[in-house]
Each structure stands twice: as structure tokens, then as C-alpha cells.
């Protein structure tokens, strides 16, 4: 079970922009898979990589926030 402090991290294959997602479920994963990157506009097809779990507040210096 995921604790409340962790978020699921997805990363754009093209520009390495990171999405930190709280309260993930299958419907939200489906929406993300159809979403273009907010940073570079990369098309959604096979774009988002599941990176792991993290905390956007504690790790803000560790990730690309462009």
C-alpha cells in the first residue's frame, strides 16, 4: 500500500519532464497515457515512462521541472 507522502512519477521520453501524481488509479493512468507533454508537446503515444515513487516536495531538486 502506498503511503500519503508518495506520488507516482511519470517522465516524458523526449524532454524528461516529470509528472508527480497523487491518488493514482487505472482511469488516471489511462488519461495520462493519452496526454501530450505539457513541457515540450511530445505526442502521447508511448511517451510516458513510469519512473517510480517519490515526493515532489522533498525531492524538488532531484527532478526536471521545466
PDB file of N, CA and C in Angstrom:
ATOM      1  N   UNK A   1       0.839  -1.180   0.000  1.00  0.00           N
ATOM      2  CA  UNK A   1       0.000   0.000   0.000  1.00  0.00           C
ATOM      3  C   UNK A   1       0.893   1.256   0.000  1.00  0.00           C
ATOM      4  N   UNK A   2       0.526   2.222  -0.792  1.00  0.00           N
ATOM      5  CA  UNK A   2       1.292   3.463  -0.912  1.00  0.00           C
ATOM      6  C   UNK A   2       0.876   4.422   0.200  1.00  0.00           C
ATOM      7  N   UNK A   3       1.881   5.029   0.883  1.00  0.00           N
ATOM      8  CA  UNK A   3       1.502   5.998   1.909  1.00  0.00           C
ATOM      9  C   UNK A   3       1.160   7.335   1.268  1.00  0.00           C
ATOM     10  N   UNK A   4       0.604   8.247   2.045  1.00  0.00           N
ATOM     11  CA  UNK A   4       0.127   9.527   1.521  1.00  0.00           C
ATOM     12  C   UNK A   4       1.233  10.466   1.086  1.00  0.00           C
ATOM     13  N   UNK A   5       2.470  10.210   1.518  1.00  0.00           N
ATOM     14  CA  UNK A   5       3.574  11.094   1.172  1.00  0.00           C
ATOM     15  C   UNK A   5       4.131  10.800  -0.220  1.00  0.00           C
ATOM     16  N   UNK A   6       3.924   9.598  -0.720  1.00  0.00           N
ATOM     17  CA  UNK A   6       4.481   9.223  -2.014  1.00  0.00           C
ATOM     18  C   UNK A   6       3.522   9.494  -3.154  1.00  0.00           C
ATOM     19  N   UNK A   7       4.121   9.865  -4.277  1.00  0.00           N
ATOM     20  CA  UNK A   7       3.383  10.076  -5.509  1.00  0.00           C
ATOM     21  C   UNK A   7       4.010   9.179  -6.572  1.00  0.00           C
ATOM     22  N   UNK A   8       3.232   8.818  -7.572  1.00  0.00           N
ATOM     23  CA  UNK A   8       3.763   8.047  -8.696  1.00  0.00           C
ATOM     24  C   UNK A   8       4.364   9.045  -9.678  1.00  0.00           C
ATOM     25  N   UNK A   9       5.579   8.746 -10.153  1.00  0.00           N
ATOM     26  CA  UNK A   9       6.289   9.666 -11.041  1.00  0.00           C
ATOM     27  C   UNK A   9       6.317   9.098 -12.455  1.00  0.00           C
ATOM     28  N   UNK A  10       5.868   9.917 -13.410  1.00  0.00           N
ATOM     29  CA  UNK A  10       5.970   9.607 -14.828  1.00  0.00           C
ATOM     30  C   UNK A  10       6.925  10.610 -15.452  1.00  0.00           C
ATOM     31  N   UNK A  11       7.649  10.188 -16.503  1.00  0.00           N
ATOM     32  CA  UNK A  11       8.620  11.071 -17.147  1.00  0.00           C
ATOM     33  C   UNK A  11       8.432  11.051 -18.661  1.00  0.00           C
ATOM     34  N   UNK A  12       8.512  12.236 -19.287  1.00  0.00           N
ATOM     35  CA  UNK A  12       8.432  12.362 -20.738  1.00  0.00           C
ATOM     36  C   UNK A  12       9.707  11.778 -21.353  1.00  0.00           C
ATOM     37  N   UNK A  13       9.565  10.941 -22.364  1.00  0.00           N
ATOM     38  CA  UNK A  13      10.726  10.346 -23.032  1.00  0.00           C
ATOM     39  C   UNK A  13      11.571  11.400 -23.742  1.00  0.00           C
ATOM     40  N   UNK A  14      10.947  12.446 -24.245  1.00  0.00           N
ATOM     41  CA  UNK A  14      11.665  13.434 -25.058  1.00  0.00           C
ATOM     42  C   UNK A  14      12.429  14.449 -24.202  1.00  0.00           C
ATOM     43  N   UNK A  15      11.746  15.116 -23.283  1.00  0.00           N
ATOM     44  CA  UNK A  15      12.391  16.224 -22.543  1.00  0.00           C
ATOM     45  C   UNK A  15      12.637  15.909 -21.070  1.00  0.00           C
ATOM     46  N   UNK A  16      12.223  14.721 -20.628  1.00  0.00           N
ATOM     47  CA  UNK A  16      12.409  14.272 -19.248  1.00  0.00           C
ATOM     48  C   UNK A  16      11.613  15.086 -18.226  1.00  0.00           C
ATOM     49  N   UNK A  17      10.553  15.772 -18.686  1.00  0.00           N
ATOM     50  CA  UNK A  17       9.644  16.471 -17.772  1.00  0.00           C
ATOM     51  C   UNK A  17       8.985  15.426 -16.873  1.00  0.00           C
ATOM     52  N   UNK A  18       8.804  15.733 -15.598  1.00  0.00           N
ATOM     53  CA  UNK A  18       8.233  14.796 -14.634  1.00  0.00           C
ATOM     54  C   UNK A  18       6.836  15.195 -14.206  1.00  0.00           C
ATOM     55  N   UNK A  19       5.976  14.186 -14.082  1.00  0.00           N
ATOM     56  CA  UNK A  19       4.641  14.358 -13.521  1.00  0.00           C
ATOM     57  C   UNK A  19       4.600  13.596 -12.200  1.00  0.00           C
ATOM     58  N   UNK A  20       4.236  14.263 -11.117  1.00  0.00           N
ATOM     59  CA  UNK A  20       4.042  13.609  -9.830  1.00  0.00           C
ATOM     60  C   UNK A  20       2.533  13.485  -9.628  1.00  0.00           C
ATOM     61  N   UNK A  21       2.044  12.266  -9.484  1.00  0.00           N
ATOM     62  CA  UNK A  21       0.609  12.013  -9.425  1.00  0.00           C
ATOM     63  C   UNK A  21       0.239  11.397  -8.074  1.00  0.00           C
ATOM     64  N   UNK A  22      -0.699  12.039  -7.380  1.00  0.00           N
ATOM     65  CA  UNK A  22      -1.227  11.507  -6.127  1.00  0.00           C
ATOM     66  C   UNK A  22      -2.516  10.750  -6.415  1.00  0.00           C
ATOM     67  N   UNK A  23      -2.834   9.776  -5.600  1.00  0.00           N
ATOM     68  CA  UNK A  23      -4.108   9.072  -5.696  1.00  0.00           C
ATOM     69  C   UNK A  23      -4.311   8.419  -7.058  1.00  0.00           C
ATOM     70  N   UNK A  24      -3.321   7.709  -7.529  1.00  0.00           N
ATOM     71  CA  UNK A  24      -3.369   7.112  -8.874  1.00  0.00           C
ATOM     72  C   UNK A  24      -4.373   5.952  -8.920  1.00  0.00           C
ATOM     73  N   UNK A  25      -5.082   5.845 -10.027  1.00  0.00           N
ATOM     74  CA  UNK A  25      -5.950   4.706 -10.295  1.00  0.00           C
ATOM     75  C   UNK A  25      -5.915   4.429 -11.798  1.00  0.00           C
ATOM     76  N   UNK A  26      -6.558   3.374 -12.233  1.00  0.00           N
ATOM     77  CA  UNK A  26      -6.477   2.979 -13.642  1.00  0.00           C
ATOM     78  C   UNK A  26      -7.050   4.021 -14.585  1.00  0.00           C
ATOM     79  N   UNK A  27      -8.107   4.715 -14.187  1.00  0.00           N
ATOM     80  CA  UNK A  27      -8.679   5.760 -15.047  1.00  0.00           C
ATOM     81  C   UNK A  27      -7.685   6.903 -15.242  1.00  0.00           C
ATOM     82  N   UNK A  28      -6.977   7.271 -14.178  1.00  0.00           N
ATOM     83  CA  UNK A  28      -5.999   8.340 -14.273  1.00  0.00           C
ATOM     84  C   UNK A  28      -4.805   7.910 -15.117  1.00  0.00           C
ATOM     85  N   UNK A  29      -4.359   6.667 -14.979  1.00  0.00           N
ATOM     86  CA  UNK A  29      -3.272   6.159 -15.822  1.00  0.00           C
ATOM     87  C   UNK A  29      -3.683   6.211 -17.285  1.00  0.00           C
ATOM     88  N   UNK A  30      -4.925   5.855 -17.582  1.00  0.00           N
ATOM     89  CA  UNK A  30      -5.433   5.919 -18.958  1.00  0.00           C
ATOM     90  C   UNK A  30      -5.409   7.357 -19.476  1.00  0.00           C
ATOM     91  N   UNK A  31      -5.808   8.329 -18.650  1.00  0.00           N
ATOM     92  CA  UNK A  31      -5.767   9.751 -19.060  1.00  0.00           C
ATOM     93  C   UNK A  31      -4.341  10.210 -19.332  1.00  0.00           C
ATOM     94  N   UNK A  32      -3.403   9.828 -18.473  1.00  0.00           N
ATOM     95  CA  UNK A  32      -2.007  10.212 -18.654  1.00  0.00           C
ATOM     96  C   UNK A  32      -1.458   9.630 -19.954  1.00  0.00           C
ATOM     97  N   UNK A  33      -1.810   8.397 -20.244  1.00  0.00           N
ATOM     98  CA  UNK A  33      -1.299   7.749 -21.459  1.00  0.00           C
ATOM     99  C   UNK A  33      -1.782   8.431 -22.737  1.00  0.00           C
ATOM    100  N   UNK A  34      -2.827   9.250 -22.638  1.00  0.00           N
ATOM    101  CA  UNK A  34      -3.380   9.954 -23.805  1.00  0.00           C
ATOM    102  C   UNK A  34      -3.069  11.453 -23.779  1.00  0.00           C
ATOM    103  N   UNK A  35      -2.187  11.864 -22.864  1.00  0.00           N
ATOM    104  CA  UNK A  35      -1.892  13.279 -22.665  1.00  0.00           C
ATOM    105  C   UNK A  35      -0.535  13.628 -23.280  1.00  0.00           C
ATOM    106  N   UNK A  36      -0.492  14.720 -24.061  1.00  0.00           N
ATOM    107  CA  UNK A  36       0.808  15.155 -24.571  1.00  0.00           C
ATOM    108  C   UNK A  36       1.570  15.849 -23.446  1.00  0.00           C
ATOM    109  N   UNK A  37       2.883  15.951 -23.597  1.00  0.00           N
ATOM    110  CA  UNK A  37       3.731  16.561 -22.569  1.00  0.00           C
ATOM    111  C   UNK A  37       3.450  18.059 -22.482  1.00  0.00           C
ATOM    112  N   UNK A  38       3.239  18.562 -21.278  1.00  0.00           N
ATOM    113  CA  UNK A  38       2.980  19.985 -21.060  1.00  0.00           C
ATOM    114  C   UNK A  38       4.212  20.830 -21.352  1.00  0.00           C
ATOM    115  N   UNK A  39       5.391  20.242 -21.218  1.00  0.00           N
ATOM    116  CA  UNK A  39       6.635  20.990 -21.370  1.00  0.00           C
ATOM    117  C   UNK A  39       7.066  21.112 -22.829  1.00  0.00           C
ATOM    118  N   UNK A  40       7.090  19.993 -23.562  1.00  0.00           N
ATOM    119  CA  UNK A  40       7.627  20.024 -24.924  1.00  0.00           C
ATOM    120  C   UNK A  40       6.603  19.722 -26.006  1.00  0.00           C
ATOM    121  N   UNK A  41       5.388  19.283 -25.622  1.00  0.00           N
ATOM    122  CA  UNK A  41       4.348  18.992 -26.604  1.00  0.00           C
ATOM    123  C   UNK A  41       4.463  17.631 -27.262  1.00  0.00           C
ATOM    124  N   UNK A  42       5.342  16.761 -26.747  1.00  0.00           N
ATOM    125  CA  UNK A  42       5.511  15.429 -27.323  1.00  0.00           C
ATOM    126  C   UNK A  42       4.177  14.690 -27.337  1.00  0.00           C
ATOM    127  N   UNK A  43       3.906  14.008 -28.450  1.00  0.00           N
ATOM    128  CA  UNK A  43       2.672  13.248 -28.605  1.00  0.00           C
ATOM    129  C   UNK A  43       2.576  12.147 -27.549  1.00  0.00           C
ATOM    130  N   UNK A  44       1.367  11.776 -27.143  1.00  0.00           N
ATOM    131  CA  UNK A  44       1.204  10.820 -26.042  1.00  0.00           C
ATOM    132  C   UNK A  44       1.579   9.377 -26.371  1.00  0.00           C
ATOM    133  N   UNK A  45       1.563   8.984 -27.621  1.00  0.00           N
ATOM    134  CA  UNK A  45       1.788   7.583 -27.982  1.00  0.00           C
ATOM    135  C   UNK A  45       3.101   7.047 -27.420  1.00  0.00           C
ATOM    136  N   UNK A  46       3.006   6.159 -26.440  1.00  0.00           N
ATOM    137  CA  UNK A  46       4.161   5.520 -25.799  1.00  0.00           C
ATOM    138  C   UNK A  46       5.174   6.532 -25.266  1.00  0.00           C
ATOM    139  N   UNK A  47       4.710   7.686 -24.814  1.00  0.00           N
ATOM    140  CA  UNK A  47       5.612   8.730 -24.343  1.00  0.00           C
ATOM    141  C   UNK A  47       5.975   8.597 -22.879  1.00  0.00           C
ATOM    142  N   UNK A  48       5.004   8.369 -22.022  1.00  0.00           N
ATOM    143  CA  UNK A  48       5.235   8.459 -20.577  1.00  0.00           C
ATOM    144  C   UNK A  48       5.868   7.197 -20.015  1.00  0.00           C
ATOM    145  N   UNK A  49       6.962   7.383 -19.279  1.00  0.00           N
ATOM    146  CA  UNK A  49       7.693   6.300 -18.628  1.00  0.00           C
ATOM    147  C   UNK A  49       7.346   6.342 -17.140  1.00  0.00           C
ATOM    148  N   UNK A  50       7.010   5.200 -16.571  1.00  0.00           N
ATOM    149  CA  UNK A  50       6.787   5.112 -15.133  1.00  0.00           C
ATOM    150  C   UNK A  50       8.155   5.035 -14.467  1.00  0.00           C
ATOM    151  N   UNK A  51       8.502   6.065 -13.696  1.00  0.00           N
ATOM    152  CA  UNK A  51       9.822   6.161 -13.075  1.00  0.00           C
ATOM    153  C   UNK A  51       9.834   5.498 -11.705  1.00  0.00           C
ATOM    154  N   UNK A  52       8.792   5.670 -10.924  1.00  0.00           N
ATOM    155  CA  UNK A  52       8.742   5.086  -9.588  1.00  0.00           C
ATOM    156  C   UNK A  52       7.916   5.923  -8.644  1.00  0.00           C
ATOM    157  N   UNK A  53       8.230   5.814  -7.354  1.00  0.00           N
ATOM    158  CA  UNK A  53       7.542   6.582  -6.333  1.00  0.00           C
ATOM    159  C   UNK A  53       8.448   7.698  -5.844  1.00  0.00           C
ATOM    160  N   UNK A  54       7.858   8.802  -5.456  1.00  0.00           N
ATOM    161  CA  UNK A  54       8.642   9.913  -4.938  1.00  0.00           C
ATOM    162  C   UNK A  54       7.762  10.872  -4.183  1.00  0.00           C
ATOM    163  N   UNK A  55       8.372  11.972  -3.786  1.00  0.00           N
ATOM    164  CA  UNK A  55       7.665  13.025  -3.073  1.00  0.00           C
ATOM    165  C   UNK A  55       8.095  14.348  -3.679  1.00  0.00           C
ATOM    166  N   UNK A  56       7.183  15.036  -4.334  1.00  0.00           N
ATOM    167  CA  UNK A  56       7.525  16.260  -5.074  1.00  0.00           C
ATOM    168  C   UNK A  56       8.051  17.361  -4.164  1.00  0.00           C
ATOM    169  N   UNK A  57       7.608  17.409  -2.932  1.00  0.00           N
ATOM    170  CA  UNK A  57       8.091  18.439  -2.012  1.00  0.00           C
ATOM    171  C   UNK A  57       9.513  18.134  -1.536  1.00  0.00           C
ATOM    172  N   UNK A  58       9.745  16.905  -1.126  1.00  0.00           N
ATOM    173  CA  UNK A  58      11.052  16.532  -0.585  1.00  0.00           C
ATOM    174  C   UNK A  58      12.126  16.387  -1.663  1.00  0.00           C
ATOM    175  N   UNK A  59      11.722  16.080  -2.909  1.00  0.00           N
ATOM    176  CA  UNK A  59      12.676  15.793  -3.968  1.00  0.00           C
ATOM    177  C   UNK A  59      12.671  16.837  -5.073  1.00  0.00           C
ATOM    178  N   UNK A  60      12.236  18.062  -4.794  1.00  0.00           N
ATOM    179  CA  UNK A  60      12.095  19.063  -5.849  1.00  0.00           C
ATOM    180  C   UNK A  60      13.414  19.393  -6.553  1.00  0.00           C
ATOM    181  N   UNK A  61      14.554  19.184  -5.899  1.00  0.00           N
ATOM    182  CA  UNK A  61      15.838  19.440  -6.525  1.00  0.00           C
ATOM    183  C   UNK A  61      16.348  18.260  -7.355  1.00  0.00           C
ATOM    184  N   UNK A  62      15.692  17.095  -7.214  1.00  0.00           N
ATOM    185  CA  UNK A  62      16.144  15.878  -7.890  1.00  0.00           C
ATOM    186  C   UNK A  62      15.507  15.667  -9.258  1.00  0.00           C
ATOM    187  N   UNK A  63      14.476  16.443  -9.608  1.00  0.00           N
ATOM    188  CA  UNK A  63      13.731  16.206 -10.831  1.00  0.00           C
ATOM    189  C   UNK A  63      13.682  17.418 -11.729  1.00  0.00           C
ATOM    190  N   UNK A  64      13.475  17.171 -12.999  1.00  0.00           N
ATOM    191  CA  UNK A  64      13.396  18.214 -14.016  1.00  0.00           C
ATOM    192  C   UNK A  64      11.999  18.827 -13.992  1.00  0.00           C
ATOM    193  N   UNK A  65      11.898  20.092 -13.633  1.00  0.00           N
ATOM    194  CA  UNK A  65      10.599  20.769 -13.535  1.00  0.00           C
ATOM    195  C   UNK A  65      10.349  21.733 -14.660  1.00  0.00           C
ATOM    196  N   UNK A  66      11.082  21.615 -15.800  1.00  0.00           N
ATOM    197  CA  UNK A  66      10.882  22.534 -16.932  1.00  0.00           C
ATOM    198  C   UNK A  66       9.439  22.537 -17.368  1.00  0.00           C
TER     199      UNK A  66
END
